[in-house]
């Protein structure tokens, strides 16, 4: 899947939503803060939830750090959580593999910049009984400093 160069957070989120939409086992995508995702009132598990945590800017790169959740719900009294853990872990591996694909205009890395991404199991005893996995990772873009993109009316005074 070829992609156009990604340079903004909006374009990254659009790419993440496209991955969720095109994965056969993911039925929904949400982007935002975790408390808002829990209380959105709209849920169609299995879902991919994504939260942007920070941006680290260097002279030549922007590194967007994210937390990803693959979320499913388990009915009260059901013992299907092992199946949910298995499925959501595999989906997380699929998403990571896709985000590492060289067609994207980014490098997908662990937040700490080593090659390993830790996938963590979770369960939340909410009315929805969410189970699944989460992982933290970063999307790093090559972006040189560019003053030409600043919409100055006049050049700032230099002292």
C-alpha atoms as a PDB file:
ATOM      1  CA  UNK A   1       0.000   0.000   0.000  1.00  0.00           C
ATOM      2  CA  UNK A   2       1.780   3.137  -1.204  1.00  0.00           C
ATOM      3  CA  UNK A   3       1.290   6.262   0.840  1.00  0.00           C
ATOM      4  CA  UNK A   4       1.881   9.937   0.273  1.00  0.00           C
ATOM      5  CA  UNK A   5       4.509  11.697   2.380  1.00  0.00           C
ATOM      6  CA  UNK A   6       3.202  12.201   5.899  1.00  0.00           C
ATOM      7  CA  UNK A   7       4.128  15.501   7.491  1.00  0.00           C
ATOM      8  CA  UNK A   8       1.392  16.429   9.974  1.00  0.00           C
ATOM      9  CA  UNK A   9      -0.335  14.833  12.934  1.00  0.00           C
ATOM     10  CA  UNK A  10      -3.609  14.929  10.976  1.00  0.00           C
ATOM     11  CA  UNK A  11      -2.039  12.898   8.175  1.00  0.00           C
ATOM     12  CA  UNK A  12      -0.594  10.367  10.641  1.00  0.00           C
ATOM     13  CA  UNK A  13      -3.996   9.932  12.304  1.00  0.00           C
ATOM     14  CA  UNK A  14      -5.598   9.499   8.873  1.00  0.00           C
ATOM     15  CA  UNK A  15      -3.082   6.739   8.078  1.00  0.00           C
ATOM     16  CA  UNK A  16      -3.782   5.034  11.429  1.00  0.00           C
ATOM     17  CA  UNK A  17      -7.523   5.186  10.761  1.00  0.00           C
ATOM     18  CA  UNK A  18      -6.946   3.678   7.312  1.00  0.00           C
ATOM     19  CA  UNK A  19      -5.026   0.787   8.869  1.00  0.00           C
ATOM     20  CA  UNK A  20      -7.890   0.159  11.308  1.00  0.00           C
ATOM     21  CA  UNK A  21     -10.531   0.420   8.587  1.00  0.00           C
ATOM     22  CA  UNK A  22      -8.728  -2.026   6.313  1.00  0.00           C
ATOM     23  CA  UNK A  23      -7.928  -4.653   8.967  1.00  0.00           C
ATOM     24  CA  UNK A  24     -10.551  -7.419   8.839  1.00  0.00           C
ATOM     25  CA  UNK A  25     -10.752  -7.824  12.617  1.00  0.00           C
ATOM     26  CA  UNK A  26     -10.798  -4.145  13.642  1.00  0.00           C
ATOM     27  CA  UNK A  27     -14.301  -2.651  13.589  1.00  0.00           C
ATOM     28  CA  UNK A  28     -13.650   0.830  14.925  1.00  0.00           C
ATOM     29  CA  UNK A  29     -11.041   3.533  15.382  1.00  0.00           C
ATOM     30  CA  UNK A  30     -10.854   6.288  17.965  1.00  0.00           C
ATOM     31  CA  UNK A  31      -8.225   8.965  18.486  1.00  0.00           C
ATOM     32  CA  UNK A  32      -8.003  11.102  21.611  1.00  0.00           C
ATOM     33  CA  UNK A  33      -7.376  10.988  25.341  1.00  0.00           C
ATOM     34  CA  UNK A  34      -8.006   7.665  27.110  1.00  0.00           C
ATOM     35  CA  UNK A  35     -10.749   8.930  29.471  1.00  0.00           C
ATOM     36  CA  UNK A  36     -12.656  10.288  26.457  1.00  0.00           C
ATOM     37  CA  UNK A  37     -12.249   7.011  24.568  1.00  0.00           C
ATOM     38  CA  UNK A  38     -13.725   5.074  27.500  1.00  0.00           C
ATOM     39  CA  UNK A  39     -16.686   7.383  27.848  1.00  0.00           C
ATOM     40  CA  UNK A  40     -17.448   8.071  24.183  1.00  0.00           C
ATOM     41  CA  UNK A  41     -20.622   6.010  24.465  1.00  0.00           C
ATOM     42  CA  UNK A  42     -19.951   4.490  21.071  1.00  0.00           C
ATOM     43  CA  UNK A  43     -18.162   1.165  20.962  1.00  0.00           C
ATOM     44  CA  UNK A  44     -17.862  -1.427  18.243  1.00  0.00           C
ATOM     45  CA  UNK A  45     -15.158  -3.834  19.454  1.00  0.00           C
ATOM     46  CA  UNK A  46     -12.595  -4.824  18.323  1.00  0.00           C
ATOM     47  CA  UNK A  47     -11.339  -1.238  18.151  1.00  0.00           C
ATOM     48  CA  UNK A  48      -7.998   0.495  17.716  1.00  0.00           C
ATOM     49  CA  UNK A  49      -7.641   3.398  20.138  1.00  0.00           C
ATOM     50  CA  UNK A  50      -4.736   5.824  19.740  1.00  0.00           C
ATOM     51  CA  UNK A  51      -3.529   8.676  21.929  1.00  0.00           C
ATOM     52  CA  UNK A  52      -0.686  11.049  21.032  1.00  0.00           C
ATOM     53  CA  UNK A  53       1.539  11.542  24.078  1.00  0.00           C
ATOM     54  CA  UNK A  54       4.230  13.983  22.930  1.00  0.00           C
ATOM     55  CA  UNK A  55       6.327  15.314  20.065  1.00  0.00           C
ATOM     56  CA  UNK A  56      10.114  15.440  20.308  1.00  0.00           C
ATOM     57  CA  UNK A  57      11.608  17.929  17.859  1.00  0.00           C
ATOM     58  CA  UNK A  58      15.246  17.874  16.705  1.00  0.00           C
ATOM     59  CA  UNK A  59      16.823  19.910  13.911  1.00  0.00           C
ATOM     60  CA  UNK A  60      15.992  17.249  11.339  1.00  0.00           C
ATOM     61  CA  UNK A  61      13.209  15.058  12.781  1.00  0.00           C
ATOM     62  CA  UNK A  62       9.880  15.127  14.566  1.00  0.00           C
ATOM     63  CA  UNK A  63       9.128  12.082  16.704  1.00  0.00           C
ATOM     64  CA  UNK A  64       5.456  11.609  17.619  1.00  0.00           C
ATOM     65  CA  UNK A  65       5.014   9.280  20.611  1.00  0.00           C
ATOM     66  CA  UNK A  66       1.743   7.357  20.822  1.00  0.00           C
ATOM     67  CA  UNK A  67      -0.043   4.862  23.038  1.00  0.00           C
ATOM     68  CA  UNK A  68      -2.047   2.272  21.093  1.00  0.00           C
ATOM     69  CA  UNK A  69      -4.792   0.036  22.518  1.00  0.00           C
ATOM     70  CA  UNK A  70      -6.440  -2.910  20.772  1.00  0.00           C
ATOM     71  CA  UNK A  71      -9.695  -3.207  22.699  1.00  0.00           C
ATOM     72  CA  UNK A  72     -12.402  -5.850  22.836  1.00  0.00           C
ATOM     73  CA  UNK A  73     -15.186  -6.458  25.319  1.00  0.00           C
ATOM     74  CA  UNK A  74     -16.047  -9.672  27.130  1.00  0.00           C
ATOM     75  CA  UNK A  75     -19.535 -10.378  28.420  1.00  0.00           C
ATOM     76  CA  UNK A  76     -19.938 -10.762  32.142  1.00  0.00           C
ATOM     77  CA  UNK A  77     -19.724 -14.446  33.073  1.00  0.00           C
ATOM     78  CA  UNK A  78     -17.842 -15.336  29.909  1.00  0.00           C
ATOM     79  CA  UNK A  79     -14.436 -16.987  30.047  1.00  0.00           C
ATOM     80  CA  UNK A  80     -13.521 -15.811  26.528  1.00  0.00           C
ATOM     81  CA  UNK A  81     -10.817 -13.440  27.784  1.00  0.00           C
ATOM     82  CA  UNK A  82      -8.060 -15.878  26.733  1.00  0.00           C
ATOM     83  CA  UNK A  83      -9.413 -15.782  23.178  1.00  0.00           C
ATOM     84  CA  UNK A  84      -9.627 -11.982  23.352  1.00  0.00           C
ATOM     85  CA  UNK A  85      -6.029 -11.735  24.584  1.00  0.00           C
ATOM     86  CA  UNK A  86      -4.871 -14.036  21.786  1.00  0.00           C
ATOM     87  CA  UNK A  87      -6.764 -12.147  19.082  1.00  0.00           C
ATOM     88  CA  UNK A  88      -5.831  -8.656  20.253  1.00  0.00           C
ATOM     89  CA  UNK A  89      -2.143  -9.602  20.611  1.00  0.00           C
ATOM     90  CA  UNK A  90      -2.132 -10.877  17.016  1.00  0.00           C
ATOM     91  CA  UNK A  91      -3.905  -7.723  15.816  1.00  0.00           C
ATOM     92  CA  UNK A  92      -1.288  -5.590  17.623  1.00  0.00           C
ATOM     93  CA  UNK A  93       1.469  -7.513  15.832  1.00  0.00           C
ATOM     94  CA  UNK A  94      -0.350  -6.913  12.520  1.00  0.00           C
ATOM     95  CA  UNK A  95      -0.614  -3.171  13.213  1.00  0.00           C
ATOM     96  CA  UNK A  96       3.055  -2.944  14.213  1.00  0.00           C
ATOM     97  CA  UNK A  97       4.116  -4.819  11.064  1.00  0.00           C
ATOM     98  CA  UNK A  98       2.030  -2.488   8.905  1.00  0.00           C
ATOM     99  CA  UNK A  99       3.408   0.638  10.596  1.00  0.00           C
ATOM    100  CA  UNK A 100       6.962  -0.625   9.974  1.00  0.00           C
ATOM    101  CA  UNK A 101       6.292  -1.082   6.242  1.00  0.00           C
ATOM    102  CA  UNK A 102       8.759   0.900   4.092  1.00  0.00           C
ATOM    103  CA  UNK A 103       6.015   2.480   1.933  1.00  0.00           C
ATOM    104  CA  UNK A 104       5.328   4.980   4.708  1.00  0.00           C
ATOM    105  CA  UNK A 105       7.275   8.221   4.872  1.00  0.00           C
ATOM    106  CA  UNK A 106       8.285   7.519   8.482  1.00  0.00           C
ATOM    107  CA  UNK A 107      10.274   5.277  10.748  1.00  0.00           C
ATOM    108  CA  UNK A 108       8.204   3.353  13.296  1.00  0.00           C
ATOM    109  CA  UNK A 109      10.183   2.812  16.489  1.00  0.00           C
ATOM    110  CA  UNK A 110       9.868   2.095  20.168  1.00  0.00           C
ATOM    111  CA  UNK A 111       9.550   5.286  22.199  1.00  0.00           C
ATOM    112  CA  UNK A 112      12.960   4.545  23.754  1.00  0.00           C
ATOM    113  CA  UNK A 113      14.400   4.096  20.234  1.00  0.00           C
ATOM    114  CA  UNK A 114      15.398   0.446  20.528  1.00  0.00           C
ATOM    115  CA  UNK A 115      13.896  -2.125  18.172  1.00  0.00           C
ATOM    116  CA  UNK A 116      11.608  -3.950  20.632  1.00  0.00           C
ATOM    117  CA  UNK A 117       8.033  -2.886  21.268  1.00  0.00           C
ATOM    118  CA  UNK A 118       6.456  -4.245  24.449  1.00  0.00           C
ATOM    119  CA  UNK A 119       2.845  -5.377  24.086  1.00  0.00           C
ATOM    120  CA  UNK A 120       1.044  -5.354  27.440  1.00  0.00           C
ATOM    121  CA  UNK A 121      -2.179  -7.181  28.315  1.00  0.00           C
ATOM    122  CA  UNK A 122      -4.879  -5.304  30.220  1.00  0.00           C
ATOM    123  CA  UNK A 123      -8.415  -5.705  31.488  1.00  0.00           C
ATOM    124  CA  UNK A 124     -10.653  -2.960  32.737  1.00  0.00           C
ATOM    125  CA  UNK A 125     -13.630  -3.878  34.831  1.00  0.00           C
ATOM    126  CA  UNK A 126     -15.904  -1.220  33.399  1.00  0.00           C
ATOM    127  CA  UNK A 127     -19.508  -1.820  32.391  1.00  0.00           C
ATOM    128  CA  UNK A 128     -18.129  -2.766  28.954  1.00  0.00           C
ATOM    129  CA  UNK A 129     -15.484  -5.128  30.452  1.00  0.00           C
ATOM    130  CA  UNK A 130     -12.703  -4.102  28.079  1.00  0.00           C
ATOM    131  CA  UNK A 131      -9.859  -6.560  27.557  1.00  0.00           C
ATOM    132  CA  UNK A 132      -6.957  -6.359  25.148  1.00  0.00           C
ATOM    133  CA  UNK A 133      -3.425  -5.142  24.664  1.00  0.00           C
ATOM    134  CA  UNK A 134      -1.596  -1.850  24.545  1.00  0.00           C
ATOM    135  CA  UNK A 135       1.798  -0.692  23.356  1.00  0.00           C
ATOM    136  CA  UNK A 136       3.771   2.529  23.160  1.00  0.00           C
ATOM    137  CA  UNK A 137       5.641   3.461  20.020  1.00  0.00           C
ATOM    138  CA  UNK A 138       6.743   6.455  18.006  1.00  0.00           C
ATOM    139  CA  UNK A 139       6.502   7.626  14.431  1.00  0.00           C
ATOM    140  CA  UNK A 140       9.597   9.559  13.424  1.00  0.00           C
ATOM    141  CA  UNK A 141       9.529  11.880  10.413  1.00  0.00           C
ATOM    142  CA  UNK A 142      12.438  13.504   8.648  1.00  0.00           C
ATOM    143  CA  UNK A 143      11.670  17.221   8.835  1.00  0.00           C
ATOM    144  CA  UNK A 144      14.383  19.810   8.495  1.00  0.00           C
ATOM    145  CA  UNK A 145      13.922  23.151  10.212  1.00  0.00           C
ATOM    146  CA  UNK A 146      12.088  25.383   7.737  1.00  0.00           C
ATOM    147  CA  UNK A 147      11.527  29.060   8.517  1.00  0.00           C
ATOM    148  CA  UNK A 148       9.913  29.511   5.100  1.00  0.00           C
ATOM    149  CA  UNK A 149       6.794  27.778   6.435  1.00  0.00           C
ATOM    150  CA  UNK A 150       6.253  30.478   9.099  1.00  0.00           C
ATOM    151  CA  UNK A 151       3.576  32.916   7.900  1.00  0.00           C
ATOM    152  CA  UNK A 152       5.373  36.141   8.894  1.00  0.00           C
ATOM    153  CA  UNK A 153       3.843  39.433   7.782  1.00  0.00           C
ATOM    154  CA  UNK A 154       7.326  40.948   8.013  1.00  0.00           C
ATOM    155  CA  UNK A 155      10.650  39.384   8.967  1.00  0.00           C
ATOM    156  CA  UNK A 156      11.197  39.491  12.767  1.00  0.00           C
ATOM    157  CA  UNK A 157      13.740  42.024  14.004  1.00  0.00           C
ATOM    158  CA  UNK A 158      17.152  40.516  14.730  1.00  0.00           C
ATOM    159  CA  UNK A 159      19.074  41.857  17.750  1.00  0.00           C
END
